[in-house]
Amino acid sequence: MLDLNALQAKIDNLWETETSDSLSNWLFQKRLSDINTIIGDGEFVSIPTKNAQATFEVEPIQQRFDSEDTDFDPIPPHRQAA
C-alpha cells in the first residue's frame, strides 16, 4: 500500500534540498542516458573537415524572363486564381 504521508515528506524534503543547478544537472544526465540508450555506448569523435570554395553560375532572373521560351508561364496556376 502506498503511504501518502511518507511520499509527501519525501517531496517536501526535495523542495528544501534541491536547487536549480541540481535539477538542471539531473535533467541533463537523463537526456544523456536517453541518447546512450538509443545509439549505444561509445565515444564521440570529430570528423576532419576540408575548407573548399563552391562557385555557382546562376542565370540572372531578368534573362529568364526575357528568354524566347514560350512555354514559360511567369505566374503559377495556384497564384492565378488569387
Protein backbone atom coordinates (compact mmCIF):
# COMPACT_ATOMS: atom_id res chain seq x y z
CA MET A 1 0.00 0.00 0.00
CA LEU A 2 1.20 3.50 -0.79
CA ASP A 3 1.89 5.69 2.22
CA LEU A 4 0.90 9.18 1.12
CA ASN A 5 2.32 10.81 4.25
CA ALA A 6 5.77 9.32 3.59
CA LEU A 7 5.56 10.39 -0.04
CA GLN A 8 4.59 13.91 1.00
CA ALA A 9 7.55 14.03 3.39
CA LYS A 10 9.93 12.98 0.58
CA ILE A 11 8.52 15.63 -1.74
CA ASP A 12 8.83 18.31 0.95
CA ASN A 13 12.44 17.25 1.56
CA LEU A 14 13.20 17.55 -2.17
CA TRP A 15 11.77 21.07 -2.31
CA GLU A 16 14.03 22.08 0.58
CA THR A 17 17.25 20.47 -0.66
CA GLU A 18 17.11 20.72 -4.45
CA THR A 19 18.43 23.77 -6.28
CA SER A 20 18.00 24.95 -9.83
CA ASP A 21 21.52 23.74 -10.65
CA SER A 22 20.98 20.27 -9.21
CA LEU A 23 17.70 19.86 -11.10
CA SER A 24 19.33 21.07 -14.33
CA ASN A 25 22.19 18.62 -13.82
CA TRP A 26 19.72 15.76 -13.17
CA LEU A 27 17.78 16.62 -16.34
CA PHE A 28 21.00 16.82 -18.37
CA GLN A 29 22.05 13.37 -17.12
CA LYS A 30 18.61 11.97 -18.00
CA ARG A 31 18.90 13.34 -21.53
CA LEU A 32 22.36 11.84 -21.96
CA SER A 33 21.19 8.46 -20.72
CA ASP A 34 18.35 8.51 -23.25
CA ILE A 35 20.81 9.20 -26.07
CA ASN A 36 23.03 6.36 -24.91
CA THR A 37 20.01 4.06 -24.89
CA ILE A 38 19.23 4.95 -28.49
CA ILE A 39 22.71 4.99 -30.03
CA GLY A 40 24.51 2.78 -27.54
CA ASP A 41 27.64 3.39 -25.52
CA GLY A 42 30.63 4.72 -27.33
CA GLU A 43 32.78 7.72 -27.92
CA PHE A 44 32.08 10.83 -29.95
CA VAL A 45 34.88 11.74 -32.33
CA SER A 46 35.18 14.79 -34.52
CA ILE A 47 35.24 14.36 -38.26
CA PRO A 48 38.00 16.22 -40.07
CA THR A 49 36.70 18.89 -42.37
CA LYS A 50 38.07 20.43 -45.52
CA ASN A 51 37.62 24.04 -46.46
CA ALA A 52 36.71 24.38 -50.10
CA GLN A 53 35.13 27.15 -52.06
CA ALA A 54 31.99 26.40 -54.02
CA THR A 55 31.12 28.53 -57.01
CA PHE A 56 27.85 28.55 -58.89
CA GLU A 57 26.92 30.21 -62.11
CA VAL A 58 23.32 31.31 -61.99
CA GLU A 59 21.48 32.86 -64.88
CA PRO A 60 20.22 36.31 -63.84
CA ILE A 61 16.46 36.40 -63.26
CA GLN A 62 15.84 39.04 -65.95
CA GLN A 63 17.41 36.81 -68.61
CA ARG A 64 14.99 34.05 -67.68
CA PHE A 65 12.01 36.35 -68.21
CA ASP A 66 13.42 37.75 -71.45
CA SER A 67 14.08 34.31 -72.93
CA GLU A 68 12.33 33.11 -76.06
CA ASP A 69 10.75 30.19 -74.17
CA THR A 70 7.04 30.48 -74.94
CA ASP A 71 6.09 27.62 -72.61
CA PHE A 72 7.22 29.66 -69.62
CA ASP A 73 4.32 30.95 -67.54
CA PRO A 74 5.57 33.60 -65.10
CA ILE A 75 2.50 33.25 -62.85
CA PRO A 76 1.95 29.77 -61.38
CA PRO A 77 -1.64 28.40 -61.63
CA HIS A 78 -2.19 28.49 -57.87
CA ARG A 79 -1.48 32.24 -57.89
CA GLN A 80 -3.55 32.99 -60.99
CA ALA A 81 -6.75 32.18 -59.11
CA ALA A 82 -5.99 34.77 -56.43
